[in-house]
Amino acid sequence: MTIRTVLEPLDLPGFLSAIQQEGQLAIAGAGTQSKWLTERPETILSLNQWQGIEFHSPADLVVTVLAGTRLVDLQQSLAAEGQYLPFDPYPGLEAATVGGLVAMALPHKNEKTHGLIKDWVIGMTILTTEGMVAKSGALVVKSVAGFDMHKLLTGSRGGLAVILSVNLRVFSGTLPRRDLASAGEATWIWRVLPTRFASAMEVPGIVWADPTTHTLGLTQAPPRWRDSWWMGPDGERGPKPSHSLEERAKTVLDSRSTLKEGFLP
């Protein structure tokens, strides 16, 4: 299906107008990974113009970022205060947006020392397709305020609601970076158990490999090992998550099924 329309809201009224469009929408950040869409819808809701830091408290180590903000821009702003977000991207994801990384819950090089993306997401502002703006979490690292809806939205692949902004825990110091040699663009990301990494390195099509997190980038589909995790073109991912909670959330946040799963980071 050919994309006919790209909507780029500049403000909340623009987003409200966009979600009232007929047909399905797919949400895009920088649009760096269109190959991961399950299907190319006719309309793309782009966050390309929705950028900036809304709030930053260096003393509290928290920052609120509009979802279309590029990761590299956020890191530069944080670095000026001697802080960083621990996401050190794998090759090909350097230009991704914060909203895209959160929506896809992508792996990164610093997971062994700093945890997963969901560990840093402490709050979120979303827009449902019914036109309701909702907030989840708080601007403090420890909060007991209600259900962690922002945790559910992290990794939802843009299929539940429009992520408008994200509250993030940041760290003091300098971003730890590790360079990985890359032989090309990966269309698949594959993570295996530490005990199976040596065997995984024998699989054809590897363009980069991270022995620290046991993650590989490939140009072709990896073996479907039951104890591994993967994602690839056309919405391929595994193992399949339990959808019971997501399905219930879908009926509340996107009852008309306006949003097509498959956020473009």
Foldseek 3Di string as FASTA:
>chain_A
DDAAEEQADQDLVSVLVVLPDPAAEAEEAPLLQQQQFLDDTNYYHYPCNQWDWPDDDLVQQKTKIFQNHFQVVVQVVQVVVQWGAQAAADPSCNRPTNNLCQQQQDDGQCCVPPNTQLLFFQKFWWAFSVGDIDIAGDLHNDDPPDDRVSSVSRNNQFQQTGTGMTMTRMGGHHHDYDDWQFPDDFQKKKAADLVCLVVQVVDPAWGTARSVRRMTGGNDDGDPDQRMWMGGGSNDIDDDDDCPVVVVSNCVRPVVSRYRGHYRD
